[in-house]
ModelCIF file with pLDDT and N, C-alpha, C, O atoms, coordinates in Angstrom:
data_MODEL
#
_entry.id   MODEL 
#
_entity.id                         1 
_entity.type                       polymer 
_entity.pdbx_number_of_molecules   1 
#
_entity_poly.entity_id                      1 
_entity_poly.type                           'polypeptide(L)' 
_entity_poly.nstd_linkage                   no 
_entity_poly.nstd_monomer                   no 
_entity_poly.pdbx_seq_one_letter_code       LSTLSLQLYGLYLKIGYIKNDEDYKQVTKYFNDRLPKYDIHELGFRE 
_entity_poly.pdbx_seq_one_letter_code_can   LSTLSLQLYGLYLKIGYIKNDEDYKQVTKYFNDRLPKYDIHELGFRE 
_entity_poly.pdbx_strand_id                 A 
#
loop_
_entity_poly_seq.entity_id 
_entity_poly_seq.num 
_entity_poly_seq.mon_id 
_entity_poly_seq.hetero 
1 1  LEU n 
1 2  SER n 
1 3  THR n 
1 4  LEU n 
1 5  SER n 
1 6  LEU n 
1 7  GLN n 
1 8  LEU n 
1 9  TYR n 
1 10 GLY n 
1 11 LEU n 
1 12 TYR n 
1 13 LEU n 
1 14 LYS n 
1 15 ILE n 
1 16 GLY n 
1 17 TYR n 
1 18 ILE n 
1 19 LYS n 
1 20 ASN n 
1 21 ASP n 
1 22 GLU n 
1 23 ASP n 
1 24 TYR n 
1 25 LYS n 
1 26 GLN n 
1 27 VAL n 
1 28 THR n 
1 29 LYS n 
1 30 TYR n 
1 31 PHE n 
1 32 ASN n 
1 33 ASP n 
1 34 ARG n 
1 35 LEU n 
1 36 PRO n 
1 37 LYS n 
1 38 TYR n 
1 39 ASP n 
1 40 ILE n 
1 41 HIS n 
1 42 GLU n 
1 43 LEU n 
1 44 GLY n 
1 45 PHE n 
1 46 ARG n 
1 47 GLU n 
#
_struct_asym.id          A 
_struct_asym.entity_id   1 
#
loop_
_ma_qa_metric.id 
_ma_qa_metric.mode 
_ma_qa_metric.name 
_ma_qa_metric.software_group_id 
_ma_qa_metric.type 
1 global pLDDT . pLDDT 
2 local  pLDDT . pLDDT 
#
_ma_qa_metric_global.metric_id      1 
_ma_qa_metric_global.metric_value   88.40 
_ma_qa_metric_global.model_id       1 
_ma_qa_metric_global.ordinal_id     1 
#
loop_
_ma_qa_metric_local.label_asym_id 
_ma_qa_metric_local.label_comp_id 
_ma_qa_metric_local.label_seq_id 
_ma_qa_metric_local.metric_id 
_ma_qa_metric_local.metric_value 
_ma_qa_metric_local.model_id 
_ma_qa_metric_local.ordinal_id 
A LEU 1  2 94.00 1 1  
A SER 2  2 92.00 1 2  
A THR 3  2 93.00 1 3  
A LEU 4  2 94.00 1 4  
A SER 5  2 92.00 1 5  
A LEU 6  2 91.00 1 6  
A GLN 7  2 92.00 1 7  
A LEU 8  2 91.00 1 8  
A TYR 9  2 86.00 1 9  
A GLY 10 2 83.00 1 10 
A LEU 11 2 84.00 1 11 
A TYR 12 2 80.00 1 12 
A LEU 13 2 72.00 1 13 
A LYS 14 2 73.00 1 14 
A ILE 15 2 70.00 1 15 
A GLY 16 2 71.00 1 16 
A TYR 17 2 79.00 1 17 
A ILE 18 2 81.00 1 18 
A LYS 19 2 77.00 1 19 
A ASN 20 2 81.00 1 20 
A ASP 21 2 85.00 1 21 
A GLU 22 2 87.00 1 22 
A ASP 23 2 86.00 1 23 
A TYR 24 2 90.00 1 24 
A LYS 25 2 92.00 1 25 
A GLN 26 2 91.00 1 26 
A VAL 27 2 92.00 1 27 
A THR 28 2 94.00 1 28 
A LYS 29 2 95.00 1 29 
A TYR 30 2 94.00 1 30 
A PHE 31 2 95.00 1 31 
A ASN 32 2 95.00 1 32 
A ASP 33 2 95.00 1 33 
A ARG 34 2 94.00 1 34 
A LEU 35 2 95.00 1 35 
A PRO 36 2 94.00 1 36 
A LYS 37 2 93.00 1 37 
A TYR 38 2 91.00 1 38 
A ASP 39 2 92.00 1 39 
A ILE 40 2 92.00 1 40 
A HIS 41 2 91.00 1 41 
A GLU 42 2 89.00 1 42 
A LEU 43 2 91.00 1 43 
A GLY 44 2 90.00 1 44 
A PHE 45 2 92.00 1 45 
A ARG 46 2 91.00 1 46 
A GLU 47 2 93.00 1 47 
#
loop_
_atom_site.group_PDB 
_atom_site.id 
_atom_site.type_symbol 
_atom_site.label_atom_id 
_atom_site.label_alt_id 
_atom_site.label_comp_id 
_atom_site.label_asym_id 
_atom_site.label_entity_id 
_atom_site.label_seq_id 
_atom_site.pdbx_PDB_ins_code 
_atom_site.Cartn_x 
_atom_site.Cartn_y 
_atom_site.Cartn_z 
_atom_site.occupancy 
_atom_site.B_iso_or_equiv 
_atom_site.pdbx_formal_charge 
_atom_site.auth_seq_id 
_atom_site.auth_comp_id 
_atom_site.auth_asym_id 
_atom_site.auth_atom_id 
_atom_site.pdbx_PDB_model_num 
ATOM 1   N N  . LEU A 1 1  ? 0.825   -1.209 0.000   1.00 94.00 ? 1  LEU A N  1 
ATOM 2   C CA . LEU A 1 1  ? 0.000   0.000  0.000   1.00 94.00 ? 1  LEU A CA 1 
ATOM 3   C C  . LEU A 1 1  ? 0.859   1.260  0.000   1.00 94.00 ? 1  LEU A C  1 
ATOM 4   O O  . LEU A 1 1  ? 0.536   2.237  -0.675  1.00 94.00 ? 1  LEU A O  1 
ATOM 5   N N  . SER A 1 2  ? 1.954   1.234  0.759   1.00 92.00 ? 2  SER A N  1 
ATOM 6   C CA . SER A 1 2  ? 2.839   2.403  0.784   1.00 92.00 ? 2  SER A CA 1 
ATOM 7   C C  . SER A 1 2  ? 3.521   2.578  -0.567  1.00 92.00 ? 2  SER A C  1 
ATOM 8   O O  . SER A 1 2  ? 3.739   3.704  -1.015  1.00 92.00 ? 2  SER A O  1 
ATOM 9   N N  . THR A 1 3  ? 3.860   1.459  -1.220  1.00 93.00 ? 3  THR A N  1 
ATOM 10  C CA . THR A 1 3  ? 4.450   1.523  -2.559  1.00 93.00 ? 3  THR A CA 1 
ATOM 11  C C  . THR A 1 3  ? 3.460   2.094  -3.562  1.00 93.00 ? 3  THR A C  1 
ATOM 12  O O  . THR A 1 3  ? 3.818   2.927  -4.395  1.00 93.00 ? 3  THR A O  1 
ATOM 13  N N  . LEU A 1 4  ? 2.196   1.637  -3.479  1.00 94.00 ? 4  LEU A N  1 
ATOM 14  C CA . LEU A 1 4  ? 1.150   2.157  -4.370  1.00 94.00 ? 4  LEU A CA 1 
ATOM 15  C C  . LEU A 1 4  ? 0.968   3.655  -4.172  1.00 94.00 ? 4  LEU A C  1 
ATOM 16  O O  . LEU A 1 4  ? 0.854   4.406  -5.141  1.00 94.00 ? 4  LEU A O  1 
ATOM 17  N N  . SER A 1 5  ? 0.942   4.085  -2.919  1.00 92.00 ? 5  SER A N  1 
ATOM 18  C CA . SER A 1 5  ? 0.793   5.510  -2.619  1.00 92.00 ? 5  SER A CA 1 
ATOM 19  C C  . SER A 1 5  ? 1.929   6.315  -3.246  1.00 92.00 ? 5  SER A C  1 
ATOM 20  O O  . SER A 1 5  ? 1.696   7.367  -3.839  1.00 92.00 ? 5  SER A O  1 
ATOM 21  N N  . LEU A 1 6  ? 3.157   5.817  -3.112  1.00 91.00 ? 6  LEU A N  1 
ATOM 22  C CA . LEU A 1 6  ? 4.320   6.502  -3.671  1.00 91.00 ? 6  LEU A CA 1 
ATOM 23  C C  . LEU A 1 6  ? 4.269   6.514  -5.201  1.00 91.00 ? 6  LEU A C  1 
ATOM 24  O O  . LEU A 1 6  ? 4.609   7.517  -5.828  1.00 91.00 ? 6  LEU A O  1 
ATOM 25  N N  . GLN A 1 7  ? 3.840   5.395  -5.801  1.00 92.00 ? 7  GLN A N  1 
ATOM 26  C CA . GLN A 1 7  ? 3.733   5.324  -7.263  1.00 92.00 ? 7  GLN A CA 1 
ATOM 27  C C  . GLN A 1 7  ? 2.706   6.323  -7.793  1.00 92.00 ? 7  GLN A C  1 
ATOM 28  O O  . GLN A 1 7  ? 2.931   6.969  -8.816  1.00 92.00 ? 7  GLN A O  1 
ATOM 29  N N  . LEU A 1 8  ? 1.582   6.445  -7.092  1.00 91.00 ? 8  LEU A N  1 
ATOM 30  C CA . LEU A 1 8  ? 0.536   7.378  -7.512  1.00 91.00 ? 8  LEU A CA 1 
ATOM 31  C C  . LEU A 1 8  ? 1.017   8.823  -7.389  1.00 91.00 ? 8  LEU A C  1 
ATOM 32  O O  . LEU A 1 8  ? 0.706   9.662  -8.234  1.00 91.00 ? 8  LEU A O  1 
ATOM 33  N N  . TYR A 1 9  ? 1.772   9.103  -6.335  1.00 86.00 ? 9  TYR A N  1 
ATOM 34  C CA . TYR A 1 9  ? 2.333   10.449 -6.169  1.00 86.00 ? 9  TYR A CA 1 
ATOM 35  C C  . TYR A 1 9  ? 3.322   10.750 -7.300  1.00 86.00 ? 9  TYR A C  1 
ATOM 36  O O  . TYR A 1 9  ? 3.349   11.856 -7.841  1.00 86.00 ? 9  TYR A O  1 
ATOM 37  N N  . GLY A 1 10 ? 4.140   9.732  -7.649  1.00 83.00 ? 10 GLY A N  1 
ATOM 38  C CA . GLY A 1 10 ? 5.073   9.898  -8.761  1.00 83.00 ? 10 GLY A CA 1 
ATOM 39  C C  . GLY A 1 10 ? 4.350   10.124 -10.073 1.00 83.00 ? 10 GLY A C  1 
ATOM 40  O O  . GLY A 1 10 ? 4.798   10.907 -10.911 1.00 83.00 ? 10 GLY A O  1 
ATOM 41  N N  . LEU A 1 11 ? 3.223   9.435  -10.254 1.00 84.00 ? 11 LEU A N  1 
ATOM 42  C CA . LEU A 1 11 ? 2.410   9.596  -11.456 1.00 84.00 ? 11 LEU A CA 1 
ATOM 43  C C  . LEU A 1 11 ? 1.831   11.008 -11.525 1.00 84.00 ? 11 LEU A C  1 
ATOM 44  O O  . LEU A 1 11 ? 1.765   11.615 -12.594 1.00 84.00 ? 11 LEU A O  1 
ATOM 45  N N  . TYR A 1 12 ? 1.415   11.516 -10.369 1.00 80.00 ? 12 TYR A N  1 
ATOM 46  C CA . TYR A 1 12 ? 0.878   12.886 -10.292 1.00 80.00 ? 12 TYR A CA 1 
ATOM 47  C C  . TYR A 1 12 ? 1.932   13.914 -10.690 1.00 80.00 ? 12 TYR A C  1 
ATOM 48  O O  . TYR A 1 12 ? 1.645   14.861 -11.423 1.00 80.00 ? 12 TYR A O  1 
ATOM 49  N N  . LEU A 1 13 ? 3.175   13.712 -10.191 1.00 72.00 ? 13 LEU A N  1 
ATOM 50  C CA . LEU A 1 13 ? 4.254   14.637 -10.537 1.00 72.00 ? 13 LEU A CA 1 
ATOM 51  C C  . LEU A 1 13 ? 4.589   14.571 -12.023 1.00 72.00 ? 13 LEU A C  1 
ATOM 52  O O  . LEU A 1 13 ? 4.997   15.564 -12.624 1.00 72.00 ? 13 LEU A O  1 
ATOM 53  N N  . LYS A 1 14 ? 4.409   13.385 -12.606 1.00 73.00 ? 14 LYS A N  1 
ATOM 54  C CA . LYS A 1 14 ? 4.758   13.178 -14.007 1.00 73.00 ? 14 LYS A CA 1 
ATOM 55  C C  . LYS A 1 14 ? 3.701   13.717 -14.965 1.00 73.00 ? 14 LYS A C  1 
ATOM 56  O O  . LYS A 1 14 ? 4.029   14.436 -15.909 1.00 73.00 ? 14 LYS A O  1 
ATOM 57  N N  . ILE A 1 15 ? 2.421   13.371 -14.727 1.00 70.00 ? 15 ILE A N  1 
ATOM 58  C CA . ILE A 1 15 ? 1.369   13.731 -15.694 1.00 70.00 ? 15 ILE A CA 1 
ATOM 59  C C  . ILE A 1 15 ? 0.394   14.781 -15.184 1.00 70.00 ? 15 ILE A C  1 
ATOM 60  O O  . ILE A 1 15 ? -0.383  15.336 -15.960 1.00 70.00 ? 15 ILE A O  1 
ATOM 61  N N  . GLY A 1 16 ? 0.430   15.062 -13.855 1.00 71.00 ? 16 GLY A N  1 
ATOM 62  C CA . GLY A 1 16 ? -0.523  16.031 -13.312 1.00 71.00 ? 16 GLY A CA 1 
ATOM 63  C C  . GLY A 1 16 ? -1.926  15.452 -13.253 1.00 71.00 ? 16 GLY A C  1 
ATOM 64  O O  . GLY A 1 16 ? -2.100  14.235 -13.187 1.00 71.00 ? 16 GLY A O  1 
ATOM 65  N N  . TYR A 1 17 ? -2.917  16.317 -13.277 1.00 79.00 ? 17 TYR A N  1 
ATOM 66  C CA . TYR A 1 17 ? -4.308  15.886 -13.204 1.00 79.00 ? 17 TYR A CA 1 
ATOM 67  C C  . TYR A 1 17 ? -4.780  15.417 -14.580 1.00 79.00 ? 17 TYR A C  1 
ATOM 68  O O  . TYR A 1 17 ? -4.352  15.945 -15.606 1.00 79.00 ? 17 TYR A O  1 
ATOM 69  N N  . ILE A 1 18 ? -5.662  14.423 -14.588 1.00 81.00 ? 18 ILE A N  1 
ATOM 70  C CA . ILE A 1 18 ? -6.175  13.912 -15.863 1.00 81.00 ? 18 ILE A CA 1 
ATOM 71  C C  . ILE A 1 18 ? -6.953  15.003 -16.590 1.00 81.00 ? 18 ILE A C  1 
ATOM 72  O O  . ILE A 1 18 ? -7.527  15.895 -15.966 1.00 81.00 ? 18 ILE A O  1 
ATOM 73  N N  . LYS A 1 19 ? -6.964  14.918 -17.911 1.00 77.00 ? 19 LYS A N  1 
ATOM 74  C CA . LYS A 1 19 ? -7.597  15.965 -18.720 1.00 77.00 ? 19 LYS A CA 1 
ATOM 75  C C  . LYS A 1 19 ? -8.713  15.436 -19.625 1.00 77.00 ? 19 LYS A C  1 
ATOM 76  O O  . LYS A 1 19 ? -9.389  16.214 -20.298 1.00 77.00 ? 19 LYS A O  1 
ATOM 77  N N  . ASN A 1 20 ? -8.910  14.085 -19.642 1.00 81.00 ? 20 ASN A N  1 
ATOM 78  C CA . ASN A 1 20 ? -9.951  13.518 -20.487 1.00 81.00 ? 20 ASN A CA 1 
ATOM 79  C C  . ASN A 1 20 ? -10.303 12.105 -20.023 1.00 81.00 ? 20 ASN A C  1 
ATOM 80  O O  . ASN A 1 20 ? -9.697  11.581 -19.088 1.00 81.00 ? 20 ASN A O  1 
ATOM 81  N N  . ASP A 1 21 ? -11.279 11.503 -20.679 1.00 85.00 ? 21 ASP A N  1 
ATOM 82  C CA . ASP A 1 21 ? -11.748 10.166 -20.302 1.00 85.00 ? 21 ASP A CA 1 
ATOM 83  C C  . ASP A 1 21 ? -10.664 9.111  -20.505 1.00 85.00 ? 21 ASP A C  1 
ATOM 84  O O  . ASP A 1 21 ? -10.574 8.155  -19.735 1.00 85.00 ? 21 ASP A O  1 
ATOM 85  N N  . GLU A 1 22 ? -9.851  9.282  -21.529 1.00 87.00 ? 22 GLU A N  1 
ATOM 86  C CA . GLU A 1 22 ? -8.786  8.314  -21.790 1.00 87.00 ? 22 GLU A CA 1 
ATOM 87  C C  . GLU A 1 22 ? -7.779  8.296  -20.642 1.00 87.00 ? 22 GLU A C  1 
ATOM 88  O O  . GLU A 1 22 ? -7.340  7.232  -20.205 1.00 87.00 ? 22 GLU A O  1 
ATOM 89  N N  . ASP A 1 23 ? -7.417  9.495  -20.156 1.00 86.00 ? 23 ASP A N  1 
ATOM 90  C CA . ASP A 1 23 ? -6.532  9.596  -18.989 1.00 86.00 ? 23 ASP A CA 1 
ATOM 91  C C  . ASP A 1 23 ? -7.151  8.894  -17.788 1.00 86.00 ? 23 ASP A C  1 
ATOM 92  O O  . ASP A 1 23 ? -6.472  8.193  -17.038 1.00 86.00 ? 23 ASP A O  1 
ATOM 93  N N  . TYR A 1 24 ? -8.463  9.100  -17.622 1.00 90.00 ? 24 TYR A N  1 
ATOM 94  C CA . TYR A 1 24 ? -9.174  8.513  -16.480 1.00 90.00 ? 24 TYR A CA 1 
ATOM 95  C C  . TYR A 1 24 ? -9.088  6.985  -16.522 1.00 90.00 ? 24 TYR A C  1 
ATOM 96  O O  . TYR A 1 24 ? -8.835  6.347  -15.500 1.00 90.00 ? 24 TYR A O  1 
ATOM 97  N N  . LYS A 1 25 ? -9.297  6.406  -17.695 1.00 92.00 ? 25 LYS A N  1 
ATOM 98  C CA . LYS A 1 25 ? -9.251  4.948  -17.844 1.00 92.00 ? 25 LYS A CA 1 
ATOM 99  C C  . LYS A 1 25 ? -7.861  4.411  -17.529 1.00 92.00 ? 25 LYS A C  1 
ATOM 100 O O  . LYS A 1 25 ? -7.720  3.392  -16.853 1.00 92.00 ? 25 LYS A O  1 
ATOM 101 N N  . GLN A 1 26 ? -6.836  5.100  -18.022 1.00 91.00 ? 26 GLN A N  1 
ATOM 102 C CA . GLN A 1 26 ? -5.461  4.650  -17.809 1.00 91.00 ? 26 GLN A CA 1 
ATOM 103 C C  . GLN A 1 26 ? -5.074  4.710  -16.323 1.00 91.00 ? 26 GLN A C  1 
ATOM 104 O O  . GLN A 1 26 ? -4.484  3.770  -15.791 1.00 91.00 ? 26 GLN A O  1 
ATOM 105 N N  . VAL A 1 27 ? -5.413  5.825  -15.664 1.00 92.00 ? 27 VAL A N  1 
ATOM 106 C CA . VAL A 1 27 ? -5.071  5.986  -14.248 1.00 92.00 ? 27 VAL A CA 1 
ATOM 107 C C  . VAL A 1 27 ? -5.847  4.982  -13.396 1.00 92.00 ? 27 VAL A C  1 
ATOM 108 O O  . VAL A 1 27 ? -5.294  4.403  -12.460 1.00 92.00 ? 27 VAL A O  1 
ATOM 109 N N  . THR A 1 28 ? -7.122  4.775  -13.714 1.00 94.00 ? 28 THR A N  1 
ATOM 110 C CA . THR A 1 28 ? -7.953  3.827  -12.959 1.00 94.00 ? 28 THR A CA 1 
ATOM 111 C C  . THR A 1 28 ? -7.410  2.404  -13.091 1.00 94.00 ? 28 THR A C  1 
ATOM 112 O O  . THR A 1 28 ? -7.347  1.666  -12.108 1.00 94.00 ? 28 THR A O  1 
ATOM 113 N N  . LYS A 1 29 ? -7.018  2.023  -14.306 1.00 95.00 ? 29 LYS A N  1 
ATOM 114 C CA . LYS A 1 29 ? -6.435  0.695  -14.526 1.00 95.00 ? 29 LYS A CA 1 
ATOM 115 C C  . LYS A 1 29 ? -5.124  0.561  -13.757 1.00 95.00 ? 29 LYS A C  1 
ATOM 116 O O  . LYS A 1 29 ? -4.863  -0.468 -13.134 1.00 95.00 ? 29 LYS A O  1 
ATOM 117 N N  . TYR A 1 30 ? -4.305  1.606  -13.806 1.00 94.00 ? 30 TYR A N  1 
ATOM 118 C CA . TYR A 1 30 ? -3.031  1.622  -13.084 1.00 94.00 ? 30 TYR A CA 1 
ATOM 119 C C  . TYR A 1 30 ? -3.270  1.397  -11.588 1.00 94.00 ? 30 TYR A C  1 
ATOM 120 O O  . TYR A 1 30 ? -2.551  0.630  -10.948 1.00 94.00 ? 30 TYR A O  1 
ATOM 121 N N  . PHE A 1 31 ? -4.271  2.063  -11.046 1.00 95.00 ? 31 PHE A N  1 
ATOM 122 C CA . PHE A 1 31 ? -4.595  1.963  -9.622  1.00 95.00 ? 31 PHE A CA 1 
ATOM 123 C C  . PHE A 1 31 ? -5.125  0.579  -9.264  1.00 95.00 ? 31 PHE A C  1 
ATOM 124 O O  . PHE A 1 31 ? -4.642  -0.044 -8.318  1.00 95.00 ? 31 PHE A O  1 
ATOM 125 N N  . ASN A 1 32 ? -6.112  0.095  -10.013 1.00 95.00 ? 32 ASN A N  1 
ATOM 126 C CA . ASN A 1 32 ? -6.745  -1.198 -9.701  1.00 95.00 ? 32 ASN A CA 1 
ATOM 127 C C  . ASN A 1 32 ? -5.787  -2.365 -9.866  1.00 95.00 ? 32 ASN A C  1 
ATOM 128 O O  . ASN A 1 32 ? -5.860  -3.340 -9.117  1.00 95.00 ? 32 ASN A O  1 
ATOM 129 N N  . ASP A 1 33 ? -4.885  -2.274 -10.848 1.00 95.00 ? 33 ASP A N  1 
ATOM 130 C CA . ASP A 1 33 ? -3.912  -3.352 -11.068 1.00 95.00 ? 33 ASP A CA 1 
ATOM 131 C C  . ASP A 1 33 ? -2.935  -3.503 -9.915  1.00 95.00 ? 33 ASP A C  1 
ATOM 132 O O  . ASP A 1 33 ? -2.400  -4.588 -9.688  1.00 95.00 ? 33 ASP A O  1 
ATOM 133 N N  . ARG A 1 34 ? -2.703  -2.420 -9.185  1.00 94.00 ? 34 ARG A N  1 
ATOM 134 C CA . ARG A 1 34 ? -1.689  -2.429 -8.120  1.00 94.00 ? 34 ARG A CA 1 
ATOM 135 C C  . ARG A 1 34 ? -2.290  -2.442 -6.713  1.00 94.00 ? 34 ARG A C  1 
ATOM 136 O O  . ARG A 1 34 ? -1.565  -2.590 -5.730  1.00 94.00 ? 34 ARG A O  1 
ATOM 137 N N  . LEU A 1 35 ? -3.607  -2.289 -6.618  1.00 95.00 ? 35 LEU A N  1 
ATOM 138 C CA . LEU A 1 35 ? -4.252  -2.274 -5.293  1.00 95.00 ? 35 LEU A CA 1 
ATOM 139 C C  . LEU A 1 35 ? -4.350  -3.704 -4.760  1.00 95.00 ? 35 LEU A C  1 
ATOM 140 O O  . LEU A 1 35 ? -5.030  -4.535 -5.362  1.00 95.00 ? 35 LEU A O  1 
ATOM 141 N N  . PRO A 1 36 ? -3.679  -4.008 -3.632  1.00 94.00 ? 36 PRO A N  1 
ATOM 142 C CA . PRO A 1 36 ? -3.745  -5.370 -3.093  1.00 94.00 ? 36 PRO A CA 1 
ATOM 143 C C  . PRO A 1 36 ? -5.109  -5.668 -2.467  1.00 94.00 ? 36 PRO A C  1 
ATOM 144 O O  . PRO A 1 36 ? -5.843  -4.757 -2.085  1.00 94.00 ? 36 PRO A O  1 
ATOM 145 N N  . LYS A 1 37 ? -5.428  -6.948 -2.370  1.00 93.00 ? 37 LYS A N  1 
ATOM 146 C CA . LYS A 1 37 ? -6.682  -7.343 -1.718  1.00 93.00 ? 37 LYS A CA 1 
ATOM 147 C C  . LYS A 1 37 ? -6.548  -7.128 -0.213  1.00 93.00 ? 37 LYS A C  1 
ATOM 148 O O  . LYS A 1 37 ? -5.476  -7.330 0.358   1.00 93.00 ? 37 LYS A O  1 
ATOM 149 N N  . TYR A 1 38 ? -7.633  -6.720 0.419   1.00 91.00 ? 38 TYR A N  1 
ATOM 150 C CA . TYR A 1 38 ? -7.577  -6.469 1.862   1.00 91.00 ? 38 TYR A CA 1 
ATOM 151 C C  . TYR A 1 38 ? -8.966  -6.601 2.473   1.00 91.00 ? 38 TYR A C  1 
ATOM 152 O O  . TYR A 1 38 ? -9.983  -6.490 1.788   1.00 91.00 ? 38 TYR A O  1 
ATOM 153 N N  . ASP A 1 39 ? -8.977  -6.841 3.768   1.00 92.00 ? 39 ASP A N  1 
ATOM 154 C CA . ASP A 1 39 ? -10.209 -6.829 4.562   1.00 92.00 ? 39 ASP A CA 1 
ATOM 155 C C  . ASP A 1 39 ? -10.076 -5.661 5.529   1.00 92.00 ? 39 ASP A C  1 
ATOM 156 O O  . ASP A 1 39 ? -9.241  -5.691 6.433   1.00 92.00 ? 39 ASP A O  1 
ATOM 157 N N  . ILE A 1 40 ? -10.890 -4.642 5.340   1.00 92.00 ? 40 ILE A N  1 
ATOM 158 C CA . ILE A 1 40 ? -10.757 -3.415 6.126   1.00 92.00 ? 40 ILE A CA 1 
ATOM 159 C C  . ILE A 1 40 ? -10.822 -3.677 7.624   1.00 92.00 ? 40 ILE A C  1 
ATOM 160 O O  . ILE A 1 40 ? -10.219 -2.948 8.411   1.00 92.00 ? 40 ILE A O  1 
ATOM 161 N N  . HIS A 1 41 ? -11.562 -4.730 8.027   1.00 91.00 ? 41 HIS A N  1 
ATOM 162 C CA . HIS A 1 41 ? -11.722 -5.032 9.456   1.00 91.00 ? 41 HIS A CA 1 
ATOM 163 C C  . HIS A 1 41 ? -10.465 -5.651 10.060  1.00 91.00 ? 41 HIS A C  1 
ATOM 164 O O  . HIS A 1 41 ? -10.314 -5.673 11.282  1.00 91.00 ? 41 HIS A O  1 
ATOM 165 N N  . GLU A 1 42 ? -9.562  -6.153 9.219   1.00 89.00 ? 42 GLU A N  1 
ATOM 166 C CA . GLU A 1 42 ? -8.343  -6.786 9.718   1.00 89.00 ? 42 GLU A CA 1 
ATOM 167 C C  . GLU A 1 42 ? -7.137  -5.852 9.644   1.00 89.00 ? 42 GLU A C  1 
ATOM 168 O O  . GLU A 1 42 ? -6.038  -6.228 10.053  1.00 89.00 ? 42 GLU A O  1 
ATOM 169 N N  . LEU A 1 43 ? -7.331  -4.643 9.127   1.00 91.00 ? 43 LEU A N  1 
ATOM 170 C CA . LEU A 1 43 ? -6.219  -3.708 8.980   1.00 91.00 ? 43 LEU A CA 1 
ATOM 171 C C  . LEU A 1 43 ? -5.943  -2.962 10.274  1.00 91.00 ? 43 LEU A C  1 
ATOM 172 O O  . LEU A 1 43 ? -6.860  -2.574 10.998  1.00 91.00 ? 43 LEU A O  1 
ATOM 173 N N  . GLY A 1 44 ? -4.660  -2.769 10.547  1.00 90.00 ? 44 GLY A N  1 
ATOM 174 C CA . GLY A 1 44 ? -4.257  -1.952 11.680  1.00 90.00 ? 44 GLY A CA 1 
ATOM 175 C C  . GLY A 1 44 ? -4.164  -0.497 11.280  1.00 90.00 ? 44 GLY A C  1 
ATOM 176 O O  . GLY A 1 44 ? -4.485  -0.124 10.152  1.00 90.00 ? 44 GLY A O  1 
ATOM 177 N N  . PHE A 1 45 ? -3.724  0.316  12.214  1.00 92.00 ? 45 PHE A N  1 
ATOM 178 C CA . PHE A 1 45 ? -3.628  1.764  11.978  1.00 92.00 ? 45 PHE A CA 1 
ATOM 179 C C  . PHE A 1 45 ? -2.777  2.087  10.748  1.00 92.00 ? 45 PHE A C  1 
ATOM 180 O O  . PHE A 1 45 ? -3.194  2.860  9.885   1.00 92.00 ? 45 PHE A O  1 
ATOM 181 N N  . ARG A 1 46 ? -1.579  1.489  10.672  1.00 91.00 ? 46 ARG A N  1 
ATOM 182 C CA . ARG A 1 46 ? -0.657  1.851  9.615   1.00 91.00 ? 46 ARG A CA 1 
ATOM 183 C C  . ARG A 1 46 ? -1.136  1.400  8.235   1.00 91.00 ? 46 ARG A C  1 
ATOM 184 O O  . ARG A 1 46 ? -0.959  2.109  7.245   1.00 91.00 ? 46 ARG A O  1 
ATOM 185 N N  . GLU A 1 47 ? -1.751  0.200  8.181   1.00 93.00 ? 47 GLU A N  1 
ATOM 186 C CA . GLU A 1 47 ? -2.258  -0.276 6.890   1.00 93.00 ? 47 GLU A CA 1 
ATOM 187 C C  . GLU A 1 47 ? -3.403  0.616  6.403   1.00 93.00 ? 47 GLU A C  1 
ATOM 188 O O  . GLU A 1 47 ? -3.960  0.375  5.332   1.00 93.00 ? 47 GLU A O  1 
#
């Protein structure tokens, strides 16, 4: 999760805010592909 957060921040610095639907699809796919499975009830503070 910390790696995903850092990758998304790096993506923001690189491309900025999305400007169209195509950007939205690419960023959403990038996010979903890297988001690990989790159970919110089993997560601690840091997770």
